[in-house]
Amino acid sequence: MTRVARRWGLAVSLALIPSLMTVPSHASEPTAEPSPTTSVETEPVEATPTTEPTPEPTAAPTTAAPAPVQRQAAKGAAASTRKAVGAPTRKYWVSLRLNSGNEPRVFTRENFWLRGRVFTTKGKPQANVAVRIYRDTKKGRTKVATVRTAKDGSYIWSPTNRRAGTYRAVATKVRYSPKVTVKVQTGRRTLASREKSLSFLLGGKKGTLKRSGKVTWQEYAKAILIQYGTRTWVVRGAAVGRVRAHGGPAGSLGAPTGDIRCGLPERGCLQQFRTGAVYVNSKAKHKVTSAVAPKLGAADLVAVAKSQVGYRESAPRKSKYNKWIGRTGPYDPWCGFFTSWLAYAAGKPGSVIKAKSYPALLKAERKRGRTTNTARVGRLAYIGYFRKGSPTHVGIVQKVSGSHVWVIEGNVSAGGGTKHPRGVHLVKRPKSDVVFYADPKY
């Protein structure tokens, strides 16, 4: 019996030897790429990785398979590629995420960023690659931006209109990212939550968390997060210096009412605060300006007006304000065009009446019924320029002190005169020169 068992075991061993000789010691599967139809939703909340995945090259097996097996594997891989509808090619690897990637919520009046990286399948960053950002709508796909990658293959884009939707980044026709769906919602936002969402933007912390009354804030190397009530806003870029110049987050500007709003005319940006505003315009005479006013929204137009001080017309009645409204004739004075342009530049069209002549503006202003005899920062001052009691000129009040008002006016020479070339100037005038004031619809 023992001899039979030994013979049977030897026979089995000899039968297994050919199969062991034809199978490699270990095989490696090709690294699978993510499906291009993967969707990352902001609701329900799902945590996503904090860094973009860096693809790794496919590992080669340590023991080569015989030629017939290699040919068979190659045919199988080719068939798999043909069957994978819409599968990306091996040229690029594109990722896409919302903000930091670990806090998918976006609330009203918050800025958000779409960011990612472009790699080869071997893990090499792709620099200077054009990446097109698309947003899906009911009417189809719409391109909203084109950005280029940096040296490390990264790209970043922030929409100026903060529109919800489903976004995708495309490097080539067959090379694109998963979709990311952004839903803008209402709700509370703590400082800790906003810090988590914008960790890529803030830089290192500077000092500790501070509080003053209803305002809580944390400073960072590149920005400030300010919480007021149940919302938290980010102050960044040139606006940071202006906030500090006004005494910090608890200073004269007050707390923000939203993130900075860009995409305004002349590529301007405006951030509104409870008692102030900061305006940034690289094309303006003064590139970064700020203003303080007691009424919410009143400082917005003043900050824009301050950016224009020093502007001069190229020729009589040929100012940019004349051209904007479409009236450049010899009888088209532009003081009223200037005040209307302020509302346009601040992204508040209609807050100041837009009329194609001064008499039409004056008539519409009186009909609107927002006139007063009290001077205040942010109000329009209708001035008796040639004769007291008869308004023939208009500007916007920047400062009130005692018996005088400081008014930013268009279509005047320095000091408020009538010599050419005329421009935009800050003019000190007696209150007695002002016939009445009018409140824009802030």
Protein backbone atom coordinates (compact mmCIF):
# COMPACT_ATOMS: atom_id res chain seq x y z
CA MET A 1 0.00 0.00 0.00
CA THR A 2 2.85 2.33 0.89
CA ARG A 3 4.59 1.61 -2.41
CA VAL A 4 1.40 2.47 -4.36
CA ALA A 5 1.07 5.83 -2.55
CA ARG A 6 4.69 6.72 -3.29
CA ARG A 7 4.29 5.88 -6.99
CA TRP A 8 1.07 7.95 -7.18
CA GLY A 9 2.78 11.02 -5.57
CA LEU A 10 5.72 10.79 -7.97
CA ALA A 11 3.36 10.64 -10.95
CA VAL A 12 1.49 13.79 -9.79
CA SER A 13 4.78 15.69 -9.29
CA LEU A 14 6.00 14.81 -12.78
CA ALA A 15 2.67 15.96 -14.26
CA LEU A 16 2.92 19.40 -12.58
CA ILE A 17 6.45 20.21 -13.81
CA PRO A 18 5.43 21.38 -17.36
CA SER A 19 2.78 23.77 -16.02
CA LEU A 20 5.24 25.30 -13.52
CA MET A 21 7.75 25.86 -16.31
CA THR A 22 5.28 27.80 -18.51
CA VAL A 23 3.93 30.25 -15.85
CA PRO A 24 6.11 33.20 -14.74
CA SER A 25 7.02 33.38 -11.08
CA HIS A 26 4.73 36.45 -10.68
CA ALA A 27 2.75 38.57 -13.18
CA SER A 28 1.91 42.25 -13.05
CA GLU A 29 -1.39 43.76 -14.14
CA PRO A 30 -1.35 47.11 -16.05
CA THR A 31 -2.21 50.06 -13.83
CA ALA A 32 -5.85 51.03 -14.43
CA GLU A 33 -6.67 54.67 -15.10
CA PRO A 34 -9.72 56.31 -13.53
CA SER A 35 -12.91 56.25 -15.54
CA PRO A 36 -13.57 59.62 -17.21
CA THR A 37 -17.20 59.53 -16.12
CA THR A 38 -16.46 59.50 -12.38
CA SER A 39 -18.56 62.22 -10.65
CA VAL A 40 -17.57 64.02 -7.46
CA GLU A 41 -20.67 65.58 -5.87
CA THR A 42 -20.63 68.33 -3.26
CA GLU A 43 -23.77 66.87 -1.64
CA PRO A 44 -23.83 64.51 0.11
CA VAL A 45 -20.49 65.46 1.67
CA GLU A 46 -17.75 63.04 0.75
CA ALA A 47 -14.12 63.31 1.70
CA THR A 48 -11.65 63.31 -1.19
CA PRO A 49 -7.85 62.98 -1.12
CA THR A 50 -5.90 66.11 -0.19
CA THR A 51 -3.39 65.66 -3.02
CA GLU A 52 -3.79 64.84 -6.67
CA PRO A 53 -2.94 61.20 -7.48
CA THR A 54 0.40 60.82 -9.20
CA PRO A 55 0.20 57.97 -11.70
CA GLU A 56 2.92 55.37 -11.59
CA PRO A 57 4.41 53.55 -14.56
CA THR A 58 3.23 50.01 -15.10
CA ALA A 59 5.60 47.59 -13.39
CA ALA A 60 7.19 44.93 -15.58
CA PRO A 61 7.18 41.33 -14.30
CA THR A 62 10.50 40.11 -12.93
CA THR A 63 10.22 36.88 -14.92
CA ALA A 64 9.41 37.26 -18.61
CA ALA A 65 6.56 35.17 -20.01
CA PRO A 66 7.19 33.04 -23.09
CA ALA A 67 6.56 34.74 -26.47
CA PRO A 68 3.16 33.02 -27.09
CA VAL A 69 1.88 34.23 -23.69
CA GLN A 70 3.15 37.80 -24.38
CA ARG A 71 1.38 37.90 -27.76
CA GLN A 72 -1.80 36.60 -26.16
CA ALA A 73 -1.63 39.27 -23.40
CA ALA A 74 -1.03 42.01 -25.97
CA LYS A 75 -4.09 40.93 -27.96
CA GLY A 76 -6.16 40.91 -24.76
CA ALA A 77 -4.98 44.41 -23.78
CA ALA A 78 -5.78 45.75 -27.27
CA ALA A 79 -9.26 44.22 -27.08
CA SER A 80 -9.81 45.76 -23.64
CA THR A 81 -8.76 49.19 -24.97
CA ARG A 82 -11.18 48.90 -27.90
CA LYS A 83 -14.03 47.90 -25.58
CA ALA A 84 -13.43 50.76 -23.10
CA VAL A 85 -15.63 53.44 -24.65
CA GLY A 86 -14.20 56.94 -24.08
CA ALA A 87 -11.16 55.62 -22.22
CA PRO A 88 -8.33 58.19 -22.14
CA THR A 89 -5.13 57.61 -24.07
CA ARG A 90 -1.74 57.22 -22.41
CA LYS A 91 -0.49 60.73 -23.27
CA TYR A 92 -1.91 62.73 -20.36
CA TRP A 93 -3.32 62.11 -16.94
CA VAL A 94 -5.72 64.89 -15.82
CA SER A 95 -7.10 65.37 -12.33
CA LEU A 96 -9.70 67.87 -11.11
CA ARG A 97 -10.83 68.87 -7.66
CA LEU A 98 -12.88 71.56 -5.92
CA ASN A 99 -10.83 73.81 -3.63
CA SER A 100 -8.64 71.72 -1.30
CA GLY A 101 -10.49 68.57 -2.25
CA ASN A 102 -11.43 67.68 1.31
CA GLU A 103 -14.26 70.20 1.83
CA PRO A 104 -16.67 69.98 -1.10
CA ARG A 105 -19.28 72.54 0.01
CA VAL A 106 -19.65 76.00 -1.58
CA PHE A 107 -21.91 78.66 -0.07
CA THR A 108 -23.44 81.81 -1.53
CA ARG A 109 -21.06 84.76 -2.07
CA GLU A 110 -18.02 82.48 -1.65
CA ASN A 111 -15.31 82.19 -4.30
CA PHE A 112 -14.30 78.68 -5.29
CA TRP A 113 -11.41 77.23 -7.25
CA LEU A 114 -11.10 74.27 -9.61
CA ARG A 115 -7.61 72.82 -9.66
CA GLY A 116 -5.70 69.76 -10.75
CA ARG A 117 -2.56 68.42 -12.39
CA VAL A 118 -1.58 66.96 -15.74
CA PHE A 119 0.87 64.02 -15.85
CA THR A 120 2.06 61.43 -18.29
CA THR A 121 1.25 57.85 -17.33
CA LYS A 122 4.86 57.53 -16.25
CA GLY A 123 4.31 60.22 -13.62
CA LYS A 124 6.09 63.09 -15.38
CA PRO A 125 4.46 66.52 -14.84
CA GLN A 126 3.31 68.22 -18.04
CA ALA A 127 4.29 71.90 -18.10
CA ASN A 128 2.73 74.57 -20.33
CA VAL A 129 -0.17 72.38 -21.40
CA ALA A 130 -3.42 74.16 -22.35
CA VAL A 131 -6.25 72.88 -20.17
CA ARG A 132 -9.80 73.81 -21.17
CA ILE A 133 -12.46 73.99 -18.48
CA TYR A 134 -16.01 73.07 -19.52
CA ARG A 135 -19.31 73.42 -17.70
CA ASP A 136 -22.27 71.22 -18.54
CA THR A 137 -25.64 72.90 -19.01
CA LYS A 138 -29.05 71.76 -20.22
CA LYS A 139 -28.10 73.12 -23.65
CA GLY A 140 -24.85 71.17 -23.75
CA ARG A 141 -21.21 71.67 -22.87
CA THR A 142 -19.82 75.22 -22.68
CA LYS A 143 -16.16 76.18 -22.47
CA VAL A 144 -15.67 78.68 -19.63
CA ALA A 145 -11.89 79.04 -19.44
CA THR A 146 -8.51 77.98 -20.80
CA VAL A 147 -5.52 77.82 -18.46
CA ARG A 148 -1.96 76.51 -18.78
CA THR A 149 -0.13 74.19 -16.47
CA ALA A 150 2.84 75.28 -14.36
CA LYS A 151 6.20 73.48 -14.19
CA ASP A 152 4.81 70.88 -11.80
CA GLY A 153 1.87 70.18 -14.11
CA SER A 154 -0.61 72.03 -11.88
CA TYR A 155 -3.36 74.39 -13.02
CA ILE A 156 -5.96 76.47 -11.18
CA TRP A 157 -9.02 78.51 -12.15
CA SER A 158 -11.67 80.46 -10.26
CA PRO A 159 -14.93 81.51 -11.94
CA THR A 160 -15.87 85.17 -11.59
CA ASN A 161 -19.60 84.47 -11.71
CA ARG A 162 -19.53 81.67 -9.09
CA ARG A 163 -21.97 79.55 -11.06
CA ALA A 164 -23.00 76.10 -9.95
CA GLY A 165 -22.71 73.29 -12.45
CA THR A 166 -20.79 70.22 -13.52
CA TYR A 167 -17.23 70.96 -14.60
CA ARG A 168 -14.58 68.97 -16.48
CA ALA A 169 -10.96 69.72 -17.44
CA VAL A 170 -9.85 68.68 -20.92
CA ALA A 171 -6.25 68.52 -22.14
CA THR A 172 -7.00 66.78 -25.47
CA LYS A 173 -10.08 65.33 -27.15
CA VAL A 174 -9.46 61.98 -25.52
CA ARG A 175 -7.69 63.14 -22.38
CA TYR A 176 -9.90 64.64 -19.71
CA SER A 177 -10.61 64.65 -16.01
CA PRO A 178 -13.46 63.14 -14.04
CA LYS A 179 -16.45 65.46 -13.64
CA VAL A 180 -16.83 67.65 -10.58
CA THR A 181 -20.31 68.92 -9.72
CA VAL A 182 -20.46 72.19 -7.78
CA LYS A 183 -23.66 73.01 -5.91
CA VAL A 184 -23.93 76.45 -4.33
CA GLN A 185 -25.95 76.30 -1.13
CA THR A 186 -26.90 78.39 1.89
CA GLY A 187 -25.89 77.65 5.44
CA ARG A 188 -23.40 78.37 8.17
CA ARG A 189 -19.66 78.46 7.62
CA THR A 190 -17.25 78.38 10.54
CA LEU A 191 -13.71 79.66 10.29
CA ALA A 192 -12.35 76.13 10.77
CA SER A 193 -14.50 74.86 7.89
CA ARG A 194 -13.34 77.63 5.55
CA GLU A 195 -9.71 77.04 6.54
CA LYS A 196 -10.09 73.38 5.62
CA SER A 197 -11.61 74.31 2.27
CA LEU A 198 -8.93 76.89 1.33
CA SER A 199 -5.79 75.38 2.86
CA PHE A 200 -4.04 75.51 -0.55
CA LEU A 201 -4.59 79.29 -0.75
CA LEU A 202 -3.89 80.65 2.72
CA GLY A 203 -0.26 79.88 3.52
CA GLY A 204 1.02 79.35 7.05
CA LYS A 205 -0.73 80.79 10.09
CA LYS A 206 0.47 84.10 11.53
CA GLY A 207 -0.26 84.40 15.23
CA THR A 208 -3.27 82.98 17.01
CA LEU A 209 -7.02 83.19 16.57
CA LYS A 210 -8.32 86.65 17.59
CA ARG A 211 -11.71 88.01 18.60
CA SER A 212 -13.21 91.46 18.99
CA GLY A 213 -16.94 91.76 19.59
CA LYS A 214 -18.76 89.76 16.92
CA VAL A 215 -15.67 89.41 14.73
CA THR A 216 -13.28 86.41 14.84
CA TRP A 217 -10.27 86.19 12.55
CA GLN A 218 -7.09 84.31 11.76
CA GLU A 219 -4.23 85.77 9.74
CA TYR A 220 -2.16 83.69 7.33
CA ALA A 221 0.87 84.36 5.16
CA LYS A 222 -1.30 85.05 2.09
CA ALA A 223 -4.77 85.88 3.41
CA ILE A 224 -7.07 86.59 6.35
CA LEU A 225 -10.14 84.56 7.30
CA ILE A 226 -12.80 86.67 9.03
CA GLN A 227 -15.90 85.21 10.67
CA TYR A 228 -18.86 87.46 11.43
CA GLY A 229 -21.96 85.77 12.82
CA THR A 230 -22.50 82.46 11.01
CA ARG A 231 -20.41 83.19 7.89
CA THR A 232 -16.66 83.30 7.19
CA TRP A 233 -15.03 85.27 4.37
CA VAL A 234 -11.53 85.31 2.90
CA VAL A 235 -9.58 88.53 2.32
CA ARG A 236 -6.64 88.00 -0.03
CA GLY A 237 -4.31 89.74 -2.44
CA ALA A 238 -4.07 93.53 -2.38
CA ALA A 239 -7.15 93.76 -0.13
CA VAL A 240 -5.14 92.34 2.80
CA GLY A 241 -2.93 95.44 3.02
CA ARG A 242 -5.96 97.74 2.89
CA VAL A 243 -7.68 95.89 5.73
CA ARG A 244 -4.56 96.18 7.86
CA ALA A 245 -4.22 99.89 6.99
CA HIS A 246 -7.76 100.46 8.32
CA GLY A 247 -7.02 98.82 11.67
CA GLY A 248 -7.43 95.16 10.79
CA PRO A 249 -10.59 93.01 10.72
CA ALA A 250 -12.02 94.91 13.72
CA GLY A 251 -11.11 98.30 12.20
CA SER A 252 -13.01 100.98 10.30
CA LEU A 253 -13.90 98.84 7.27
CA GLY A 254 -15.84 96.41 9.41
CA ALA A 255 -16.29 92.72 8.62
CA PRO A 256 -16.66 91.57 4.98
CA THR A 257 -20.12 90.84 3.58
CA GLY A 258 -18.71 88.36 1.05
CA ASP A 259 -15.54 87.27 -0.75
CA ILE A 260 -13.94 89.64 -3.23
CA ARG A 261 -15.89 89.91 -6.48
CA CYS A 262 -13.82 90.01 -9.67
CA GLY A 263 -14.67 90.07 -13.36
CA LEU A 264 -15.93 93.66 -13.18
CA PRO A 265 -15.35 96.20 -16.01
CA GLU A 266 -11.65 96.88 -16.71
CA ARG A 267 -10.98 93.55 -14.94
CA GLY A 268 -11.69 95.22 -11.63
CA CYS A 269 -12.34 93.52 -8.29
CA LEU A 270 -14.42 94.84 -5.39
CA GLN A 271 -14.82 93.53 -1.86
CA GLN A 272 -17.58 94.99 0.24
CA PHE A 273 -17.33 95.38 4.01
CA ARG A 274 -20.01 96.39 6.49
CA THR A 275 -18.73 99.97 6.67
CA GLY A 276 -16.27 100.12 3.79
CA ALA A 277 -15.00 98.73 0.51
CA VAL A 278 -11.75 97.82 -1.25
CA TYR A 279 -11.43 98.20 -5.03
CA VAL A 280 -8.62 96.78 -7.21
CA ASN A 281 -8.16 97.86 -10.83
CA SER A 282 -4.76 97.44 -12.52
CA LYS A 283 -5.85 99.80 -15.34
CA ALA A 284 -6.87 102.67 -13.07
CA LYS A 285 -4.79 105.68 -12.06
CA HIS A 286 -4.80 104.34 -8.50
CA LYS A 287 -4.69 100.55 -8.62
CA VAL A 288 -5.86 99.77 -5.06
CA THR A 289 -8.29 102.08 -3.26
CA SER A 290 -10.54 101.87 -0.23
CA ALA A 291 -13.26 103.94 1.37
CA VAL A 292 -15.25 104.08 4.59
CA ALA A 293 -18.93 105.07 4.78
CA PRO A 294 -21.55 104.69 7.51
CA LYS A 295 -24.20 103.11 5.26
CA LEU A 296 -23.76 99.57 3.95
CA GLY A 297 -22.76 99.70 0.27
CA ALA A 298 -22.15 103.46 0.14
CA ALA A 299 -18.37 103.03 0.18
CA ASP A 300 -18.39 100.84 -2.95
CA LEU A 301 -18.88 103.73 -5.39
CA VAL A 302 -16.50 106.00 -3.45
CA ALA A 303 -13.70 103.41 -3.61
CA VAL A 304 -14.19 103.16 -7.38
CA ALA A 305 -14.27 106.97 -7.71
CA LYS A 306 -10.98 107.30 -5.79
CA SER A 307 -9.31 104.98 -8.30
CA GLN A 308 -10.15 107.44 -11.09
CA VAL A 309 -8.76 110.61 -9.47
CA GLY A 310 -6.09 112.02 -11.77
CA TYR A 311 -7.64 110.71 -14.99
CA ARG A 312 -7.65 113.28 -17.86
CA GLU A 313 -9.67 113.39 -21.05
CA SER A 314 -7.72 112.92 -24.29
CA ALA A 315 -9.62 115.82 -25.87
CA PRO A 316 -12.69 117.89 -24.91
CA ARG A 317 -15.73 115.60 -24.56
CA LYS A 318 -13.61 112.55 -25.54
CA SER A 319 -13.23 111.00 -22.10
CA LYS A 320 -13.64 107.26 -21.60
CA TYR A 321 -16.91 108.03 -19.82
CA ASN A 322 -18.21 109.81 -22.94
CA LYS A 323 -17.22 106.83 -25.05
CA TRP A 324 -18.79 104.39 -22.60
CA ILE A 325 -22.20 106.08 -22.78
CA GLY A 326 -21.90 106.85 -26.51
CA ARG A 327 -21.99 110.65 -26.40
CA THR A 328 -18.83 112.44 -27.59
CA GLY A 329 -20.26 115.60 -29.14
CA PRO A 330 -19.18 119.17 -28.28
CA TYR A 331 -22.28 119.62 -26.11
CA ASP A 332 -21.87 116.45 -24.05
CA PRO A 333 -20.38 117.39 -20.65
CA TRP A 334 -19.46 114.22 -18.79
CA CYS A 335 -19.81 114.88 -15.05
CA GLY A 336 -23.05 112.87 -15.00
CA PHE A 337 -21.60 110.17 -17.25
CA PHE A 338 -18.80 109.77 -14.72
CA THR A 339 -21.15 109.17 -11.76
CA SER A 340 -23.17 106.67 -13.81
CA TRP A 341 -19.95 104.87 -14.80
CA LEU A 342 -19.08 104.39 -11.10
CA ALA A 343 -22.12 102.17 -10.62
CA TYR A 344 -21.26 100.24 -13.80
CA ALA A 345 -17.64 99.71 -12.70
CA ALA A 346 -18.72 98.56 -9.22
CA GLY A 347 -21.02 95.93 -10.70
CA LYS A 348 -24.13 97.80 -9.55
CA PRO A 349 -25.75 99.08 -12.74
CA GLY A 350 -28.88 101.04 -11.94
CA SER A 351 -27.76 102.18 -8.51
CA VAL A 352 -26.97 105.51 -10.20
CA ILE A 353 -29.25 106.73 -12.97
CA LYS A 354 -27.76 106.35 -16.44
CA ALA A 355 -28.85 109.21 -18.71
CA LYS A 356 -27.39 110.54 -21.97
CA SER A 357 -27.49 114.20 -20.93
CA TYR A 358 -27.17 116.16 -17.71
CA PRO A 359 -30.72 117.67 -17.94
CA ALA A 360 -32.15 114.14 -18.36
CA LEU A 361 -30.14 112.93 -15.35
CA LEU A 362 -31.33 115.83 -13.20
CA LYS A 363 -34.97 115.26 -14.16
CA ALA A 364 -34.78 111.51 -13.49
CA GLU A 365 -33.03 112.08 -10.14
CA ARG A 366 -35.74 114.35 -8.85
CA LYS A 367 -38.41 111.94 -10.08
CA ARG A 368 -36.68 109.06 -8.31
CA GLY A 369 -37.33 110.74 -4.97
CA ARG A 370 -34.09 109.93 -3.13
CA THR A 371 -32.96 113.52 -2.61
CA THR A 372 -31.93 115.10 0.70
CA ASN A 373 -30.27 118.23 2.11
CA THR A 374 -27.88 116.26 4.34
CA ALA A 375 -24.30 115.59 3.25
CA ARG A 376 -22.98 112.05 3.68
CA VAL A 377 -20.17 109.98 2.22
CA GLY A 378 -21.36 108.09 -0.83
CA ARG A 379 -24.15 110.49 -1.75
CA LEU A 380 -24.23 112.37 -5.05
CA ALA A 381 -23.80 116.14 -4.70
CA TYR A 382 -25.70 118.28 -7.23
CA ILE A 383 -23.79 121.55 -7.34
CA GLY A 384 -24.78 125.07 -8.40
CA TYR A 385 -21.68 125.43 -10.51
CA PHE A 386 -22.46 128.66 -12.38
CA ARG A 387 -25.26 130.00 -10.19
CA LYS A 388 -26.23 129.13 -6.63
CA GLY A 389 -29.55 127.37 -6.32
CA SER A 390 -29.43 125.98 -9.87
CA PRO A 391 -27.78 122.51 -10.11
CA THR A 392 -25.56 122.27 -13.18
CA HIS A 393 -22.87 119.84 -12.02
CA VAL A 394 -22.63 116.57 -10.06
CA GLY A 395 -20.02 114.52 -8.18
CA ILE A 396 -19.82 111.97 -5.34
CA VAL A 397 -19.07 112.91 -1.71
CA GLN A 398 -15.86 111.43 -0.31
CA LYS A 399 -15.58 113.40 2.93
CA VAL A 400 -17.70 115.72 5.09
CA SER A 401 -16.17 118.09 7.63
CA GLY A 402 -17.67 121.19 9.15
CA SER A 403 -18.94 123.58 6.52
CA HIS A 404 -17.22 121.80 3.60
CA VAL A 405 -17.59 118.65 1.54
CA TRP A 406 -14.89 116.94 -0.50
CA VAL A 407 -16.39 115.79 -3.77
CA ILE A 408 -14.86 113.56 -6.48
CA GLU A 409 -15.95 115.18 -9.72
CA GLY A 410 -15.56 114.48 -13.41
CA ASN A 411 -15.23 117.03 -16.22
CA VAL A 412 -13.30 119.57 -14.12
CA SER A 413 -9.74 120.83 -14.05
CA ALA A 414 -7.59 120.60 -10.92
CA GLY A 415 -9.27 122.65 -8.19
CA GLY A 416 -12.69 122.33 -9.83
CA GLY A 417 -12.23 124.76 -12.72
CA THR A 418 -13.29 124.64 -16.36
CA LYS A 419 -9.93 124.71 -18.13
CA HIS A 420 -8.95 121.93 -20.52
CA PRO A 421 -7.83 119.22 -20.38
CA ARG A 422 -10.40 118.27 -17.80
CA GLY A 423 -10.39 115.14 -15.73
CA VAL A 424 -11.43 113.55 -12.45
CA HIS A 425 -10.39 115.48 -9.34
CA LEU A 426 -11.11 115.68 -5.62
CA VAL A 427 -12.52 119.15 -4.97
CA LYS A 428 -13.17 120.85 -1.64
CA ARG A 429 -16.39 122.86 -1.83
CA PRO A 430 -18.49 124.85 0.66
CA LYS A 431 -21.71 123.08 1.55
CA SER A 432 -23.53 126.20 0.36
CA ASP A 433 -22.50 125.32 -3.23
CA VAL A 434 -24.52 122.09 -3.10
CA VAL A 435 -28.18 122.47 -4.08
CA PHE A 436 -29.16 118.95 -2.92
CA TYR A 437 -27.80 115.43 -2.37
CA ALA A 438 -29.14 112.14 -3.70
CA ASP A 439 -28.77 108.57 -2.45
CA PRO A 440 -27.82 105.93 -5.03
CA LYS A 441 -29.59 102.58 -4.65
CA TYR A 442 -26.71 100.81 -2.94
